[in-house]
Amino acid sequence: MEIDVKPFLEEVRRHLHRELLPYWRVRGDDRERGGFLTCFDRRGEPTGQTRKNLLAHSRMVYSFSAVHRAGYDPDGSFLERAGRGLEFMTDRFQDRKHGGWYWVLERDGTPVDRKKIVYGHSFVIYAFSEYAMAAQDRQALDWAEKTLDLLQSRAADSLYGGFREFFEEDWSPCAPGACGGDRKSMDVHMHLMEAFTNLYLASGSGLHRSLAVEVAELVCRRMLHPEHGTGIAQFGLDFTPLRAIVFKNVWGSDREADDPEGRPLDNTSFGHNVEFGWLLSHSVKVLGLDMSLYRERIRRLYDHCLEYGIDWELGGVFCEGPHWGPARERNKEFWQQAETLVAMLDALAAFRGRRYWEAYRNVHRFVFDHVINHPVGEWFPLLGPCNELVWDYMGHPWKINYHTVRAMLECERRLLELA
């Protein structure tokens, strides 16, 4: 199979180096109070929203560290900013009484949401381990390891396995339902796998490897549809599948389901499926596992997206649909596009099917023609089924540079390998 990747590689490089990284070189730092400001309008101007959340700060530290590790930080400014972000986190987000990390602060660092959200803690581990590798910083690695130890002691479910996800300030479980105290999710456990794998990469610890393997196996065995191999979003503590709801403390850019009971039980996310696929592929390689044990699982995740997630007519990836059948929510989110770009290149390298390259070309063209705000440098968050712009901000507590920067770094590397 002959393919010409050079035009696509050139577009990725041009966007990464002339638009995306320049955008983030001059945005994000709160020079008055420390940490980061993350809310920007469609022109990249601050919106005036100044609260600071754990997830965005962790992701900023991760992204700036990853840029440095990729060799795209000649003056060290991205790494320096990551270090300042890490200092702000350990100084202000850290709960010195109960342990762990607060969820939301006022601009000056005063906690306004003291809950302990495991999703945020997973990204603390991911970010600090990435910074530790970028800066060769043993203290950052210690913070990552201490956060993992805390999750093991406070959040691990010794009865059913995996981790509980929502806790009060003192690590007592949150109430059930919208407060999340009775739920587990594929999204959180996928990112725990990602974080534990990165921590193992930084530490070389056999314990960290074992935990990463354990979570990867748990997602594969308990969180994928037994017939179709697609991801199930939410579960009870015993891994009984439940209709997915939006949680009070995970505001994100999530849209409420039409039904007050939540999304249909027969529902899956194309973006989470392919993101888990390529993250699992990465973890298998880093952890030294037997790829033949995971190969078919990964292929099924990619092929489901090919069959039902790609908009072959207008381009891009739809949001959600049933485990087998046409897409139900046909909006197109920026992060799902980013993860699909990486996943289709991963699929092309692993399985060599031309259809994966056609899917990559489709989503690449959609992203570069419709999603990227080229005059500004970042990506629009949400487009509708006919590619109409629905939301137009450049930054939000839930949308900063984790998906966009990482996707372009991954795509550049993978396209170079294909070339």
Protein backbone atom coordinates (compact mmCIF):
# COMPACT_ATOMS: atom_id res chain seq x y z
CA MET A 1 0.00 0.00 0.00
CA GLU A 2 1.55 3.27 -1.13
CA ILE A 3 0.47 6.49 0.52
CA ASP A 4 1.86 10.01 0.31
CA VAL A 5 2.05 11.36 3.84
CA LYS A 6 4.25 14.37 3.08
CA PRO A 7 1.49 16.95 2.47
CA PHE A 8 -0.21 15.92 5.71
CA LEU A 9 3.05 15.98 7.65
CA GLU A 10 3.77 19.47 6.33
CA GLU A 11 0.36 20.71 7.45
CA VAL A 12 0.78 19.19 10.91
CA ARG A 13 4.23 20.74 11.29
CA ARG A 14 3.08 24.13 10.06
CA HIS A 15 0.16 24.17 12.48
CA LEU A 16 2.18 22.89 15.43
CA HIS A 17 5.17 25.17 15.02
CA ARG A 18 3.64 28.30 13.50
CA GLU A 19 0.21 28.38 15.14
CA LEU A 20 -0.39 26.09 18.13
CA LEU A 21 2.88 26.41 20.04
CA PRO A 22 3.14 30.17 19.37
CA TYR A 23 -0.43 30.52 20.70
CA TRP A 24 0.53 28.86 23.97
CA ARG A 25 3.90 30.61 24.27
CA VAL A 26 2.13 33.86 25.11
CA ARG A 27 -1.00 32.61 26.95
CA GLY A 28 -1.87 30.90 30.18
CA ASP A 29 0.44 32.36 32.83
CA ASP A 30 -1.16 34.26 35.68
CA ARG A 31 1.73 36.62 36.33
CA GLU A 32 -0.05 38.36 39.21
CA ARG A 33 -1.24 35.42 41.31
CA GLY A 34 0.67 32.41 39.97
CA GLY A 35 -0.57 29.31 38.21
CA PHE A 36 -2.53 29.48 34.98
CA LEU A 37 -5.53 31.28 33.53
CA THR A 38 -7.27 29.12 30.97
CA CYS A 39 -10.39 30.90 29.64
CA PHE A 40 -10.10 32.64 26.26
CA ASP A 41 -12.64 33.80 23.68
CA ARG A 42 -12.55 33.06 19.95
CA ARG A 43 -9.87 35.71 19.44
CA GLY A 44 -7.70 34.21 22.17
CA GLU A 45 -8.44 37.10 24.54
CA PRO A 46 -9.07 36.47 28.28
CA THR A 47 -12.75 36.12 29.14
CA GLY A 48 -12.43 37.31 32.73
CA GLN A 49 -13.15 33.86 34.18
CA THR A 50 -10.31 33.38 36.63
CA ARG A 51 -11.10 30.38 38.82
CA LYS A 52 -8.45 27.68 38.68
CA ASN A 53 -9.13 23.97 38.53
CA LEU A 54 -6.90 20.99 39.17
CA LEU A 55 -7.51 19.34 35.83
CA ALA A 56 -6.56 22.33 33.68
CA HIS A 57 -3.43 23.04 35.74
CA SER A 58 -2.30 19.42 35.56
CA ARG A 59 -2.88 19.33 31.81
CA MET A 60 -0.95 22.58 31.29
CA VAL A 61 2.01 21.20 33.25
CA TYR A 62 1.81 18.01 31.20
CA SER A 63 1.63 19.76 27.82
CA PHE A 64 4.43 22.22 28.49
CA SER A 65 6.62 19.38 29.77
CA ALA A 66 5.80 17.22 26.74
CA VAL A 67 6.75 20.06 24.37
CA HIS A 68 10.13 20.25 26.09
CA ARG A 69 10.62 16.48 25.96
CA ALA A 70 9.80 16.54 22.25
CA GLY A 71 12.71 18.93 21.67
CA TYR A 72 10.59 21.96 20.78
CA ASP A 73 11.62 24.22 23.64
CA PRO A 74 15.01 25.63 22.65
CA ASP A 75 15.02 28.41 25.24
CA GLY A 76 13.52 26.22 27.99
CA SER A 77 10.58 28.59 28.48
CA PHE A 78 7.90 25.90 28.25
CA LEU A 79 9.69 23.80 30.87
CA GLU A 80 10.18 26.83 33.10
CA ARG A 81 6.45 27.59 32.92
CA ALA A 82 5.61 23.96 33.66
CA GLY A 83 7.82 24.20 36.75
CA ARG A 84 6.07 27.35 37.93
CA GLY A 85 2.72 25.63 37.42
CA LEU A 86 3.87 22.65 39.43
CA GLU A 87 5.02 24.96 42.25
CA PHE A 88 1.64 26.69 42.32
CA MET A 89 -0.11 23.32 42.47
CA THR A 90 1.96 22.03 45.38
CA ASP A 91 1.58 25.34 47.18
CA ARG A 92 -2.14 26.02 46.63
CA PHE A 93 -3.97 22.91 45.38
CA GLN A 94 -2.43 20.59 47.96
CA ASP A 95 -4.57 19.69 50.99
CA ARG A 96 -2.04 19.46 53.80
CA LYS A 97 -4.60 18.29 56.35
CA HIS A 98 -6.37 15.42 54.59
CA GLY A 99 -3.97 14.74 51.73
CA GLY A 100 -4.60 15.00 48.03
CA TRP A 101 -5.52 17.92 45.81
CA TYR A 102 -8.43 20.36 45.89
CA TRP A 103 -10.63 20.50 42.79
CA VAL A 104 -11.21 24.27 42.28
CA LEU A 105 -9.58 27.44 43.63
CA GLU A 106 -10.29 31.13 43.39
CA ARG A 107 -7.70 33.04 41.41
CA ASP A 108 -5.73 33.83 44.57
CA GLY A 109 -5.56 30.16 45.56
CA THR A 110 -8.44 30.06 48.05
CA PRO A 111 -10.19 26.65 47.75
CA VAL A 112 -13.82 26.91 46.62
CA ASP A 113 -14.38 23.21 45.87
CA ARG A 114 -12.42 21.04 48.28
CA LYS A 115 -13.67 17.70 46.95
CA LYS A 116 -11.17 15.03 45.98
CA ILE A 117 -11.89 13.99 42.38
CA VAL A 118 -9.89 10.96 41.23
CA TYR A 119 -10.01 12.16 37.61
CA GLY A 120 -8.00 15.21 38.66
CA HIS A 121 -5.59 13.12 40.72
CA SER A 122 -4.88 10.89 37.72
CA PHE A 123 -3.72 13.95 35.79
CA VAL A 124 -1.55 15.10 38.69
CA ILE A 125 0.32 11.79 38.34
CA TYR A 126 0.45 12.12 34.56
CA ALA A 127 1.69 15.71 34.65
CA PHE A 128 4.22 15.38 37.44
CA SER A 129 5.74 12.22 35.97
CA GLU A 130 6.05 13.98 32.59
CA TYR A 131 7.71 16.98 34.22
CA ALA A 132 10.01 14.66 36.17
CA MET A 133 11.24 13.16 32.88
CA ALA A 134 11.51 16.54 31.12
CA ALA A 135 13.37 18.27 33.96
CA GLN A 136 15.07 15.24 35.53
CA ASP A 137 13.39 16.37 38.74
CA ARG A 138 13.27 13.78 41.51
CA GLN A 139 10.95 15.88 43.68
CA ALA A 140 8.27 15.96 40.97
CA LEU A 141 8.51 12.19 40.72
CA ASP A 142 8.10 11.96 44.50
CA TRP A 143 4.89 14.01 44.29
CA ALA A 144 3.55 11.71 41.57
CA GLU A 145 4.40 8.62 43.62
CA LYS A 146 2.84 10.07 46.78
CA THR A 147 -0.36 10.83 44.85
CA LEU A 148 -0.50 7.25 43.62
CA ASP A 149 0.07 5.95 47.15
CA LEU A 150 -2.79 8.15 48.37
CA LEU A 151 -5.15 6.80 45.69
CA GLN A 152 -4.20 3.28 46.66
CA SER A 153 -4.99 3.92 50.32
CA ARG A 154 -8.06 6.15 49.93
CA ALA A 155 -9.77 5.37 46.63
CA ALA A 156 -8.94 1.77 45.66
CA ASP A 157 -11.96 -0.53 45.89
CA SER A 158 -10.76 -3.69 47.62
CA LEU A 159 -14.15 -5.37 47.19
CA TYR A 160 -14.88 -4.98 43.47
CA GLY A 161 -11.60 -3.69 42.07
CA GLY A 162 -10.72 -0.43 40.38
CA PHE A 163 -11.14 2.93 42.05
CA ARG A 164 -14.00 4.93 43.45
CA GLU A 165 -13.99 8.37 41.89
CA PHE A 166 -15.72 11.06 43.98
CA PHE A 167 -14.83 12.01 47.56
CA GLU A 168 -15.45 14.79 50.02
CA GLU A 169 -12.60 16.87 51.40
CA ASP A 170 -11.82 14.26 54.07
CA TRP A 171 -11.95 11.36 51.59
CA SER A 172 -15.34 10.13 52.72
CA PRO A 173 -17.35 8.99 49.66
CA CYS A 174 -19.63 11.53 48.02
CA ALA A 175 -23.39 11.01 47.89
CA PRO A 176 -24.76 8.73 45.14
CA GLY A 177 -26.25 9.89 41.85
CA ALA A 178 -25.13 13.24 40.44
CA CYS A 179 -22.48 13.56 43.17
CA GLY A 180 -20.87 10.38 41.81
CA GLY A 181 -20.32 8.44 45.01
CA ASP A 182 -21.84 5.23 43.66
CA ARG A 183 -20.25 5.26 40.18
CA LYS A 184 -17.18 4.17 38.29
CA SER A 185 -16.36 5.19 34.74
CA MET A 186 -14.32 4.04 31.80
CA ASP A 187 -13.01 7.57 31.27
CA VAL A 188 -11.41 7.80 34.71
CA HIS A 189 -9.93 4.31 34.61
CA MET A 190 -8.57 4.86 31.10
CA HIS A 191 -6.72 7.93 32.36
CA LEU A 192 -5.49 6.09 35.43
CA MET A 193 -3.95 3.54 33.05
CA GLU A 194 -2.39 6.41 31.11
CA ALA A 195 -1.04 8.01 34.29
CA PHE A 196 0.31 4.80 35.83
CA THR A 197 2.02 3.92 32.54
CA ASN A 198 3.70 7.32 32.40
CA LEU A 199 4.74 7.00 36.03
CA TYR A 200 6.34 3.62 35.27
CA LEU A 201 8.13 5.21 32.30
CA ALA A 202 9.55 7.81 34.67
CA SER A 203 10.34 5.57 37.64
CA GLY A 204 11.00 2.09 36.26
CA SER A 205 9.26 0.73 39.38
CA GLY A 206 7.86 -2.78 39.16
CA LEU A 207 5.00 -1.73 41.44
CA HIS A 208 4.00 1.05 39.08
CA ARG A 209 4.13 -1.37 36.16
CA SER A 210 1.93 -3.87 38.00
CA LEU A 211 -0.67 -1.22 38.79
CA ALA A 212 -0.74 -0.01 35.18
CA VAL A 213 -1.22 -3.59 33.95
CA GLU A 214 -3.96 -4.16 36.52
CA VAL A 215 -5.98 -1.12 35.41
CA ALA A 216 -5.51 -1.90 31.71
CA GLU A 217 -6.80 -5.41 32.29
CA LEU A 218 -9.72 -4.14 34.35
CA VAL A 219 -10.88 -1.80 31.58
CA CYS A 220 -10.55 -4.56 28.99
CA ARG A 221 -12.40 -7.15 31.08
CA ARG A 222 -15.06 -5.07 32.82
CA MET A 223 -15.65 -1.86 30.86
CA LEU A 224 -15.89 -2.96 27.23
CA HIS A 225 -19.11 -4.31 25.74
CA PRO A 226 -18.91 -8.12 25.85
CA GLU A 227 -20.26 -8.52 22.30
CA HIS A 228 -19.08 -5.44 20.41
CA GLY A 229 -15.91 -4.51 22.29
CA THR A 230 -16.90 -0.84 22.58
CA GLY A 231 -16.62 1.25 25.71
CA ILE A 232 -19.36 1.51 28.32
CA ALA A 233 -19.29 4.93 29.99
CA GLN A 234 -20.52 4.41 33.56
CA PHE A 235 -21.03 1.61 36.07
CA GLY A 236 -22.14 0.91 39.58
CA LEU A 237 -19.41 0.07 42.07
CA ASP A 238 -19.79 -3.62 41.15
CA PHE A 239 -19.38 -2.80 37.42
CA THR A 240 -23.06 -3.14 36.55
CA PRO A 241 -23.51 -0.85 33.49
CA LEU A 242 -25.58 2.27 34.20
CA ARG A 243 -27.00 5.06 32.07
CA ALA A 244 -24.42 7.83 31.91
CA ILE A 245 -25.20 11.08 33.72
CA VAL A 246 -23.37 14.41 34.03
CA PHE A 247 -21.80 14.83 37.46
CA LYS A 248 -22.05 18.03 39.50
CA ASN A 249 -18.31 18.37 40.01
CA VAL A 250 -17.28 17.49 36.47
CA TRP A 251 -18.74 20.43 34.62
CA GLY A 252 -16.48 20.30 31.56
CA SER A 253 -18.20 21.11 28.32
CA ASP A 254 -20.58 18.19 28.78
CA ARG A 255 -24.08 18.47 27.41
CA GLU A 256 -26.99 17.10 29.36
CA ALA A 257 -28.77 14.10 27.84
CA ASP A 258 -32.25 14.67 26.45
CA ASP A 259 -33.56 12.17 29.01
CA PRO A 260 -33.30 13.17 32.71
CA GLU A 261 -32.32 9.57 33.48
CA GLY A 262 -29.16 10.02 31.43
CA ARG A 263 -27.88 8.75 28.13
CA PRO A 264 -29.25 5.46 26.76
CA LEU A 265 -27.64 2.34 28.13
CA ASP A 266 -26.89 1.34 24.54
CA ASN A 267 -24.48 4.23 24.01
CA THR A 268 -20.77 4.62 23.42
CA SER A 269 -18.32 7.45 22.69
CA PHE A 270 -16.33 7.20 19.46
CA GLY A 271 -13.66 9.48 20.90
CA HIS A 272 -13.18 7.55 24.12
CA ASN A 273 -13.08 4.27 22.22
CA VAL A 274 -10.26 5.26 19.88
CA GLU A 275 -8.44 7.19 22.61
CA PHE A 276 -8.44 4.09 24.77
CA GLY A 277 -7.29 2.09 21.74
CA TRP A 278 -4.14 4.06 21.10
CA LEU A 279 -3.42 4.61 24.80
CA LEU A 280 -3.72 0.86 25.36
CA SER A 281 -1.41 0.23 22.41
CA HIS A 282 1.10 2.64 23.96
CA SER A 283 0.78 1.06 27.40
CA VAL A 284 1.29 -2.45 26.01
CA LYS A 285 4.56 -1.34 24.42
CA VAL A 286 5.83 0.62 27.44
CA LEU A 287 4.89 -2.12 29.91
CA GLY A 288 6.40 -4.87 27.75
CA LEU A 289 3.17 -6.86 27.41
CA ASP A 290 2.26 -9.37 24.72
CA MET A 291 0.53 -7.34 22.00
CA SER A 292 -1.20 -10.43 20.62
CA LEU A 293 -3.36 -10.49 23.76
CA TYR A 294 -4.67 -6.97 23.07
CA ARG A 295 -4.47 -6.65 19.30
CA GLU A 296 -8.03 -7.71 18.51
CA ARG A 297 -9.51 -5.54 21.26
CA ILE A 298 -7.73 -2.50 19.84
CA ARG A 299 -8.75 -3.32 16.28
CA ARG A 300 -12.43 -3.60 17.23
CA LEU A 301 -12.38 -0.16 18.84
CA TYR A 302 -10.88 1.35 15.70
CA ASP A 303 -13.17 -0.53 13.31
CA HIS A 304 -16.32 0.53 15.18
CA CYS A 305 -15.27 4.15 14.69
CA LEU A 306 -14.60 3.49 11.00
CA GLU A 307 -18.00 1.92 10.54
CA TYR A 308 -20.19 4.33 12.50
CA GLY A 309 -18.17 7.27 13.85
CA ILE A 310 -16.60 8.82 10.76
CA ASP A 311 -18.72 11.25 8.75
CA TRP A 312 -17.64 10.03 5.34
CA GLU A 313 -19.71 12.70 3.60
CA LEU A 314 -18.85 15.96 5.41
CA GLY A 315 -15.77 14.90 7.34
CA GLY A 316 -14.88 14.48 11.00
CA VAL A 317 -15.98 12.21 13.82
CA PHE A 318 -19.39 12.19 15.47
CA CYS A 319 -19.72 12.23 19.26
CA GLU A 320 -21.74 9.19 20.31
CA GLY A 321 -23.97 6.35 19.18
CA PRO A 322 -25.10 2.85 20.00
CA HIS A 323 -22.64 0.01 20.45
CA TRP A 324 -23.59 -1.17 16.99
CA GLY A 325 -25.37 1.16 14.59
CA PRO A 326 -25.37 4.71 13.18
CA ALA A 327 -24.29 7.67 15.30
CA ARG A 328 -26.92 9.18 17.56
CA GLU A 329 -25.27 12.44 18.65
CA ARG A 330 -23.82 13.82 15.45
CA ASN A 331 -22.06 16.90 16.80
CA LYS A 332 -18.29 16.94 16.39
CA GLU A 333 -16.10 17.77 19.40
CA PHE A 334 -12.52 18.98 19.07
CA TRP A 335 -11.03 16.37 21.40
CA GLN A 336 -12.65 13.45 19.60
CA GLN A 337 -11.11 14.69 16.34
CA ALA A 338 -7.69 14.96 18.01
CA GLU A 339 -7.79 11.45 19.44
CA THR A 340 -9.09 9.95 16.19
CA LEU A 341 -6.19 11.45 14.24
CA VAL A 342 -3.70 9.69 16.52
CA ALA A 343 -5.72 6.46 16.62
CA MET A 344 -6.04 6.11 12.84
CA LEU A 345 -2.30 6.52 12.40
CA ASP A 346 -1.79 3.95 15.15
CA ALA A 347 -4.19 1.62 13.33
CA LEU A 348 -2.43 2.18 10.02
CA ALA A 349 0.94 1.23 11.50
CA ALA A 350 -0.48 -1.83 13.30
CA PHE A 351 -2.97 -3.21 10.78
CA ARG A 352 -1.94 -1.68 7.44
CA GLY A 353 -5.49 -1.32 6.10
CA ARG A 354 -6.02 1.44 3.56
CA ARG A 355 -9.34 2.28 5.18
CA TYR A 356 -7.46 3.61 8.23
CA TRP A 357 -5.49 5.98 6.02
CA GLU A 358 -8.71 7.15 4.36
CA ALA A 359 -10.17 7.82 7.82
CA TYR A 360 -7.08 9.75 8.85
CA ARG A 361 -7.23 11.86 5.68
CA ASN A 362 -10.93 12.52 6.26
CA VAL A 363 -10.50 13.73 9.84
CA HIS A 364 -7.28 15.59 9.07
CA ARG A 365 -8.98 17.56 6.30
CA PHE A 366 -11.98 18.30 8.54
CA VAL A 367 -9.76 19.51 11.38
CA PHE A 368 -7.55 21.70 9.22
CA ASP A 369 -10.42 23.14 7.19
CA HIS A 370 -13.07 23.57 9.90
CA VAL A 371 -11.83 23.05 13.47
CA ILE A 372 -8.56 24.98 13.67
CA ASN A 373 -8.96 28.72 14.12
CA HIS A 374 -5.89 29.43 11.98
CA PRO A 375 -5.65 33.21 12.52
CA VAL A 376 -5.54 32.60 16.29
CA GLY A 377 -3.83 29.20 16.50
CA GLU A 378 -6.08 26.97 18.65
CA TRP A 379 -9.10 24.77 17.87
CA PHE A 380 -12.82 25.51 18.07
CA PRO A 381 -14.47 23.23 20.67
CA LEU A 382 -17.67 22.06 18.97
CA LEU A 383 -19.19 21.91 15.51
CA GLY A 384 -22.62 20.65 14.51
CA PRO A 385 -23.62 17.81 12.18
CA CYS A 386 -23.34 20.03 9.09
CA ASN A 387 -19.99 21.45 10.25
CA GLU A 388 -21.59 24.63 11.56
CA LEU A 389 -19.81 26.29 14.48
CA VAL A 390 -21.66 25.68 17.77
CA TRP A 391 -19.14 26.90 20.40
CA ASP A 392 -16.29 29.23 19.50
CA TYR A 393 -14.11 29.79 22.59
CA MET A 394 -10.40 28.94 22.51
CA GLY A 395 -9.96 28.15 26.20
CA HIS A 396 -12.20 26.85 28.98
CA PRO A 397 -11.59 25.10 32.32
CA TRP A 398 -12.05 21.85 30.39
CA LYS A 399 -10.42 22.84 27.09
CA ILE A 400 -6.81 23.89 27.13
CA ASN A 401 -3.88 22.27 25.28
CA TYR A 402 -3.78 18.64 26.38
CA HIS A 403 -5.67 17.13 23.41
CA THR A 404 -4.53 19.57 20.73
CA VAL A 405 -0.81 19.78 21.52
CA ARG A 406 -0.47 16.08 22.29
CA ALA A 407 -2.31 15.09 19.11
CA MET A 408 -0.04 17.21 16.93
CA LEU A 409 3.10 15.91 18.64
CA GLU A 410 1.88 12.32 18.19
CA CYS A 411 0.76 12.86 14.59
CA GLU A 412 4.04 14.49 13.61
CA ARG A 413 6.03 11.59 15.06
CA ARG A 414 3.82 8.93 13.48
CA LEU A 415 3.70 10.60 10.06
CA LEU A 416 7.51 10.86 10.14
CA GLU A 417 7.71 7.13 10.82
CA LEU A 418 5.32 6.41 7.94
CA ALA A 419 7.30 8.70 5.64
